[in-house]
Structure formats: C-alpha cells, structure tokens
Amino acid sequence: MRRLLDALYALGAALAALSLLTIFFVMMAQVVMREMQLQLPAADDVSAYLCVSTTFFALAATFKRGELIRVGMALDRLSPPLRRWAELLVLAIAAVLLAYVTFWTAQDMWFSWEIEEVAQGTVPIPLWIPKLAMPLGSGLLLVAILDELVIVLRGAKASYVTAAEERAAAGDFSAEV
C-alpha cells in the first residue's frame, strides 16, 4: 500500500511538473509567434488554467515532504504526547476541510460539464477540463492527509515532520525560509 500511495503522490508531482513545463512552452510559443507578428489564441487562458493545475497537483507531494507552510511554533513547544494529540486534531480538521473542498470543486467541475460551459476567450475551451485539476489535486491532498493521520494514529512521527527534521539535520533550511 505504501508504494501505491507514494506512486500516487509522485504522479501528482509529475503532473504538476508537466503543467509547469507546458506553461513554459506556451510562453515561449507566444514570444516566437509575437516576433512573427502572430498571436497564439487563448495563451493567457491556458497559462492561467495550467497555473491552477500546477498548484493543485503539487499539493500532496509537497505536503508529504514537509514543504507546505506549516505553523509549528505552538506544536514544537508541546510535550511529545500532547504534540501527538495536537497533530491528530489538526490532521482530522484538515481532512474534513479537504473533503469539503474536494466535494465542492468536483460539484463545480461536474456542473460545468453538464451545462457545457466554455471559456469566454478567443478559444471556447470546455471549462470542466481545467476545473478537473482542482478536485483531483485536492482529493490527492485529502488522501495524503488521511495517510498521515493513520501514520500518527499508529504512533509514528508524521512524514512531514521527519522530512523537515532530516533537512534540518543535513543543514538544509531552504524550506524553512
């Protein structure tokens, strides 16, 4: 199960990287075409949609690596048993919130598909396609949060805490800045 979940998080990160690379290609195509007095239709819309997909697809992998912004000032001051309970509480709250976000972004995407909503720009892009990244990415983050909840329930240290500690031990404070 661990390999499947890690592969799922890696897939999300790969999709985020692919989205980011596609933004680069769209922007470079715009630059080249502008020099030829041409315009790439819907380039701004596509870039915006890809920014959203980059963000949402990267959430789970970033969370698991302990690289999301996390306020640990209060947790770091707690005793280990209290910290474990606080982590459990925060992870449970995060799971509920992410389930809510995933549900409603999926509803919005589904509604766009049902009414055949299209972008108002120069190219009528069906909006359910770019909206799909939001429920998929937030759903993947929900899985990662539930994964961490199970890890902490079993008495182990959360992966994001371990990853942050390993970076600190190696002298890498880049994620902390």
C-alpha atoms as a PDB file:
ATOM      1  CA  MET A   1       0.000   0.000   0.000  1.00  0.00           C
ATOM      2  CA  ARG A   2       2.868   2.373   0.853  1.00  0.00           C
ATOM      3  CA  ARG A   3       4.355   2.035  -2.645  1.00  0.00           C
ATOM      4  CA  LEU A   4       0.978   2.689  -4.257  1.00  0.00           C
ATOM      5  CA  LEU A   5       0.410   5.840  -2.200  1.00  0.00           C
ATOM      6  CA  ASP A   6       3.938   7.114  -2.826  1.00  0.00           C
ATOM      7  CA  ALA A   7       3.470   6.454  -6.551  1.00  0.00           C
ATOM      8  CA  LEU A   8       0.199   8.387  -6.431  1.00  0.00           C
ATOM      9  CA  TYR A   9       1.917  11.374  -4.798  1.00  0.00           C
ATOM     10  CA  ALA A  10       4.732  11.153  -7.344  1.00  0.00           C
ATOM     11  CA  LEU A  11       2.169  11.096 -10.156  1.00  0.00           C
ATOM     12  CA  GLY A  12       0.621  14.290  -8.782  1.00  0.00           C
ATOM     13  CA  ALA A  13       4.073  15.902  -8.655  1.00  0.00           C
ATOM     14  CA  ALA A  14       4.786  14.734 -12.206  1.00  0.00           C
ATOM     15  CA  LEU A  15       1.508  16.227 -13.437  1.00  0.00           C
ATOM     16  CA  ALA A  16       2.401  19.498 -11.683  1.00  0.00           C
ATOM     17  CA  ALA A  17       5.820  19.478 -13.355  1.00  0.00           C
ATOM     18  CA  LEU A  18       4.222  18.730 -16.724  1.00  0.00           C
ATOM     19  CA  SER A  19       1.786  21.621 -16.226  1.00  0.00           C
ATOM     20  CA  LEU A  20       4.673  23.936 -15.373  1.00  0.00           C
ATOM     21  CA  LEU A  21       6.650  22.774 -18.405  1.00  0.00           C
ATOM     22  CA  THR A  22       3.592  23.338 -20.598  1.00  0.00           C
ATOM     23  CA  ILE A  23       3.330  26.907 -19.274  1.00  0.00           C
ATOM     24  CA  PHE A  24       6.936  27.395 -20.373  1.00  0.00           C
ATOM     25  CA  PHE A  25       6.188  26.067 -23.862  1.00  0.00           C
ATOM     26  CA  VAL A  26       3.074  28.239 -24.189  1.00  0.00           C
ATOM     27  CA  MET A  27       5.024  31.326 -23.149  1.00  0.00           C
ATOM     28  CA  MET A  28       7.922  30.539 -25.482  1.00  0.00           C
ATOM     29  CA  ALA A  29       5.489  29.950 -28.338  1.00  0.00           C
ATOM     30  CA  GLN A  30       3.950  33.344 -27.585  1.00  0.00           C
ATOM     31  CA  VAL A  31       7.367  35.011 -27.731  1.00  0.00           C
ATOM     32  CA  VAL A  32       8.320  33.349 -31.018  1.00  0.00           C
ATOM     33  CA  MET A  33       4.942  33.981 -32.620  1.00  0.00           C
ATOM     34  CA  ARG A  34       4.960  37.616 -31.497  1.00  0.00           C
ATOM     35  CA  GLU A  35       8.228  38.089 -33.399  1.00  0.00           C
ATOM     36  CA  MET A  36       6.468  36.721 -36.483  1.00  0.00           C
ATOM     37  CA  GLN A  37       3.542  39.130 -35.935  1.00  0.00           C
ATOM     38  CA  LEU A  38       1.278  36.231 -34.981  1.00  0.00           C
ATOM     39  CA  GLN A  39      -0.750  35.563 -31.882  1.00  0.00           C
ATOM     40  CA  LEU A  40      -1.295  32.316 -30.006  1.00  0.00           C
ATOM     41  CA  PRO A  41      -5.053  32.197 -29.289  1.00  0.00           C
ATOM     42  CA  ALA A  42      -6.064  31.639 -25.651  1.00  0.00           C
ATOM     43  CA  ALA A  43      -2.455  31.558 -24.450  1.00  0.00           C
ATOM     44  CA  ASP A  44      -3.281  33.626 -21.370  1.00  0.00           C
ATOM     45  CA  ASP A  45      -6.282  31.444 -20.522  1.00  0.00           C
ATOM     46  CA  VAL A  46      -4.311  28.235 -20.980  1.00  0.00           C
ATOM     47  CA  SER A  47      -1.439  29.575 -18.858  1.00  0.00           C
ATOM     48  CA  ALA A  48      -3.864  30.513 -16.083  1.00  0.00           C
ATOM     49  CA  TYR A  49      -5.505  27.068 -16.164  1.00  0.00           C
ATOM     50  CA  LEU A  50      -2.086  25.426 -16.056  1.00  0.00           C
ATOM     51  CA  CYS A  51      -1.072  27.560 -13.055  1.00  0.00           C
ATOM     52  CA  VAL A  52      -4.065  26.191 -11.171  1.00  0.00           C
ATOM     53  CA  SER A  53      -3.277  22.605 -12.161  1.00  0.00           C
ATOM     54  CA  THR A  54       0.383  23.074 -11.209  1.00  0.00           C
ATOM     55  CA  THR A  55      -0.667  24.243  -7.765  1.00  0.00           C
ATOM     56  CA  PHE A  56      -3.295  21.604  -7.080  1.00  0.00           C
ATOM     57  CA  PHE A  57      -1.356  18.622  -8.438  1.00  0.00           C
ATOM     58  CA  ALA A  58       1.730  19.539  -6.373  1.00  0.00           C
ATOM     59  CA  LEU A  59      -0.112  19.823  -3.040  1.00  0.00           C
ATOM     60  CA  ALA A  60       0.074  16.187  -1.879  1.00  0.00           C
ATOM     61  CA  ALA A  61       3.750  15.621  -2.681  1.00  0.00           C
ATOM     62  CA  THR A  62       4.658  18.965  -1.160  1.00  0.00           C
ATOM     63  CA  PHE A  63       2.688  18.140   1.989  1.00  0.00           C
ATOM     64  CA  LYS A  64       4.276  14.699   2.368  1.00  0.00           C
ATOM     65  CA  ARG A  65       7.761  16.228   2.047  1.00  0.00           C
ATOM     66  CA  GLY A  66       7.027  18.771   4.746  1.00  0.00           C
ATOM     67  CA  GLU A  67       7.400  21.687   2.362  1.00  0.00           C
ATOM     68  CA  LEU A  68       3.966  23.263   2.741  1.00  0.00           C
ATOM     69  CA  ILE A  69       3.764  26.252   5.023  1.00  0.00           C
ATOM     70  CA  ARG A  70       3.082  24.911   8.467  1.00  0.00           C
ATOM     71  CA  VAL A  71       2.912  26.784  11.726  1.00  0.00           C
ATOM     72  CA  GLY A  72       4.862  24.616  14.110  1.00  0.00           C
ATOM     73  CA  MET A  73       5.671  27.234  16.721  1.00  0.00           C
ATOM     74  CA  ALA A  74       2.955  26.015  19.068  1.00  0.00           C
ATOM     75  CA  LEU A  75       3.369  22.310  18.272  1.00  0.00           C
ATOM     76  CA  ASP A  76       7.145  22.432  18.759  1.00  0.00           C
ATOM     77  CA  ARG A  77       6.680  23.649  22.343  1.00  0.00           C
ATOM     78  CA  LEU A  78       4.375  20.786  23.340  1.00  0.00           C
ATOM     79  CA  SER A  79       5.468  17.596  25.062  1.00  0.00           C
ATOM     80  CA  PRO A  80       5.569  14.527  22.761  1.00  0.00           C
ATOM     81  CA  PRO A  81       2.218  13.073  23.959  1.00  0.00           C
ATOM     82  CA  LEU A  82       0.467  16.440  23.702  1.00  0.00           C
ATOM     83  CA  ARG A  83       2.071  17.077  20.332  1.00  0.00           C
ATOM     84  CA  ARG A  84       0.762  13.737  19.032  1.00  0.00           C
ATOM     85  CA  TRP A  85      -2.795  14.651  20.082  1.00  0.00           C
ATOM     86  CA  ALA A  86      -2.452  18.115  18.562  1.00  0.00           C
ATOM     87  CA  GLU A  87      -1.168  16.592  15.299  1.00  0.00           C
ATOM     88  CA  LEU A  88      -4.123  14.197  15.266  1.00  0.00           C
ATOM     89  CA  LEU A  89      -6.572  17.030  15.856  1.00  0.00           C
ATOM     90  CA  VAL A  90      -5.054  19.223  13.162  1.00  0.00           C
ATOM     91  CA  LEU A  91      -4.913  16.353  10.658  1.00  0.00           C
ATOM     92  CA  ALA A  92      -8.552  15.459  11.370  1.00  0.00           C
ATOM     93  CA  ILE A  93      -9.640  19.069  10.874  1.00  0.00           C
ATOM     94  CA  ALA A  94      -7.576  19.290   7.688  1.00  0.00           C
ATOM     95  CA  ALA A  95      -9.176  16.066   6.396  1.00  0.00           C
ATOM     96  CA  VAL A  96     -12.673  17.432   6.985  1.00  0.00           C
ATOM     97  CA  LEU A  97     -11.804  20.719   5.271  1.00  0.00           C
ATOM     98  CA  LEU A  98     -10.192  18.984   2.311  1.00  0.00           C
ATOM     99  CA  ALA A  99     -13.148  16.633   1.942  1.00  0.00           C
ATOM    100  CA  TYR A 100     -15.356  19.730   1.764  1.00  0.00           C
ATOM    101  CA  VAL A 101     -13.092  21.412  -0.810  1.00  0.00           C
ATOM    102  CA  THR A 102     -12.839  18.233  -2.879  1.00  0.00           C
ATOM    103  CA  PHE A 103     -16.601  17.721  -2.868  1.00  0.00           C
ATOM    104  CA  TRP A 104     -17.452  21.260  -3.933  1.00  0.00           C
ATOM    105  CA  THR A 105     -14.743  21.576  -6.565  1.00  0.00           C
ATOM    106  CA  ALA A 106     -15.958  18.266  -8.002  1.00  0.00           C
ATOM    107  CA  GLN A 107     -19.525  19.590  -7.969  1.00  0.00           C
ATOM    108  CA  ASP A 108     -18.414  22.748  -9.771  1.00  0.00           C
ATOM    109  CA  MET A 109     -16.495  20.750 -12.373  1.00  0.00           C
ATOM    110  CA  TRP A 110     -19.470  18.426 -12.893  1.00  0.00           C
ATOM    111  CA  PHE A 111     -21.837  21.370 -13.256  1.00  0.00           C
ATOM    112  CA  SER A 112     -19.562  22.914 -15.892  1.00  0.00           C
ATOM    113  CA  TRP A 113     -19.646  19.622 -17.780  1.00  0.00           C
ATOM    114  CA  GLU A 114     -23.434  19.340 -17.522  1.00  0.00           C
ATOM    115  CA  ILE A 115     -24.154  22.837 -18.840  1.00  0.00           C
ATOM    116  CA  GLU A 116     -21.321  22.621 -21.397  1.00  0.00           C
ATOM    117  CA  GLU A 117     -19.711  25.772 -20.016  1.00  0.00           C
ATOM    118  CA  VAL A 118     -16.908  27.158 -22.169  1.00  0.00           C
ATOM    119  CA  ALA A 119     -14.291  29.857 -21.702  1.00  0.00           C
ATOM    120  CA  GLN A 120     -15.273  33.317 -22.895  1.00  0.00           C
ATOM    121  CA  GLY A 121     -11.915  33.922 -24.577  1.00  0.00           C
ATOM    122  CA  THR A 122     -10.932  33.511 -28.210  1.00  0.00           C
ATOM    123  CA  VAL A 123     -10.972  29.721 -27.947  1.00  0.00           C
ATOM    124  CA  PRO A 124     -14.087  28.140 -26.408  1.00  0.00           C
ATOM    125  CA  ILE A 125     -12.290  25.710 -24.078  1.00  0.00           C
ATOM    126  CA  PRO A 126     -14.719  23.466 -22.165  1.00  0.00           C
ATOM    127  CA  LEU A 127     -14.201  24.667 -18.585  1.00  0.00           C
ATOM    128  CA  TRP A 128     -14.709  21.278 -16.966  1.00  0.00           C
ATOM    129  CA  ILE A 129     -11.294  20.270 -18.330  1.00  0.00           C
ATOM    130  CA  PRO A 130      -9.191  22.852 -16.455  1.00  0.00           C
ATOM    131  CA  LYS A 131     -11.542  22.621 -13.444  1.00  0.00           C
ATOM    132  CA  LEU A 132     -10.806  18.892 -13.187  1.00  0.00           C
ATOM    133  CA  ALA A 133      -7.389  19.653 -11.672  1.00  0.00           C
ATOM    134  CA  MET A 134      -8.970  21.142  -8.545  1.00  0.00           C
ATOM    135  CA  PRO A 135     -10.930  18.109  -7.275  1.00  0.00           C
ATOM    136  CA  LEU A 136      -8.180  15.723  -8.380  1.00  0.00           C
ATOM    137  CA  GLY A 137      -5.443  17.710  -6.662  1.00  0.00           C
ATOM    138  CA  SER A 138      -7.420  18.420  -3.508  1.00  0.00           C
ATOM    139  CA  GLY A 139      -8.572  14.782  -3.434  1.00  0.00           C
ATOM    140  CA  LEU A 140      -4.969  13.673  -3.650  1.00  0.00           C
ATOM    141  CA  LEU A 141      -4.080  16.013  -0.796  1.00  0.00           C
ATOM    142  CA  LEU A 142      -7.001  14.537   1.175  1.00  0.00           C
ATOM    143  CA  VAL A 143      -5.532  11.063   0.649  1.00  0.00           C
ATOM    144  CA  ALA A 144      -2.121  12.327   1.826  1.00  0.00           C
ATOM    145  CA  ILE A 145      -3.662  13.889   4.947  1.00  0.00           C
ATOM    146  CA  LEU A 146      -5.557  10.689   5.745  1.00  0.00           C
ATOM    147  CA  ASP A 147      -2.316   8.768   5.150  1.00  0.00           C
ATOM    148  CA  GLU A 148      -0.560  10.992   7.705  1.00  0.00           C
ATOM    149  CA  LEU A 149      -3.481  10.648  10.108  1.00  0.00           C
ATOM    150  CA  VAL A 150      -3.091   6.853  10.016  1.00  0.00           C
ATOM    151  CA  ILE A 151       0.689   7.152  10.475  1.00  0.00           C
ATOM    152  CA  VAL A 152       0.255   9.346  13.565  1.00  0.00           C
ATOM    153  CA  LEU A 153      -2.572   7.147  14.910  1.00  0.00           C
ATOM    154  CA  ARG A 154      -0.179   4.190  14.730  1.00  0.00           C
ATOM    155  CA  GLY A 155       2.210   6.095  16.990  1.00  0.00           C
ATOM    156  CA  ALA A 156       4.809   7.037  14.390  1.00  0.00           C
ATOM    157  CA  LYS A 157       6.047  10.519  13.652  1.00  0.00           C
ATOM    158  CA  ALA A 158       4.349  12.276  10.718  1.00  0.00           C
ATOM    159  CA  SER A 159       6.265  12.060   7.421  1.00  0.00           C
ATOM    160  CA  TYR A 160       6.320  15.821   7.010  1.00  0.00           C
ATOM    161  CA  VAL A 161       7.909  16.202  10.461  1.00  0.00           C
ATOM    162  CA  THR A 162      10.504  13.519   9.701  1.00  0.00           C
ATOM    163  CA  ALA A 163      11.309  15.112   6.336  1.00  0.00           C
ATOM    164  CA  ALA A 164      11.734  18.546   7.937  1.00  0.00           C
ATOM    165  CA  GLU A 165      13.962  17.091  10.666  1.00  0.00           C
ATOM    166  CA  GLU A 166      16.123  15.297   8.076  1.00  0.00           C
ATOM    167  CA  ARG A 167      16.555  18.520   6.090  1.00  0.00           C
ATOM    168  CA  ALA A 168      17.479  20.418   9.250  1.00  0.00           C
ATOM    169  CA  ALA A 169      19.977  17.714  10.259  1.00  0.00           C
ATOM    170  CA  ALA A 170      21.574  17.998   6.812  1.00  0.00           C
ATOM    171  CA  GLY A 171      21.817  21.783   7.200  1.00  0.00           C
ATOM    172  CA  ASP A 172      19.186  22.449   4.539  1.00  0.00           C
ATOM    173  CA  PHE A 173      16.891  25.220   5.755  1.00  0.00           C
ATOM    174  CA  SER A 174      15.616  26.201   2.298  1.00  0.00           C
ATOM    175  CA  ALA A 175      12.061  25.041   3.001  1.00  0.00           C
ATOM    176  CA  GLU A 176      12.001  26.963   6.273  1.00  0.00           C
ATOM    177  CA  VAL A 177      12.626  30.363   4.721  1.00  0.00           C
END
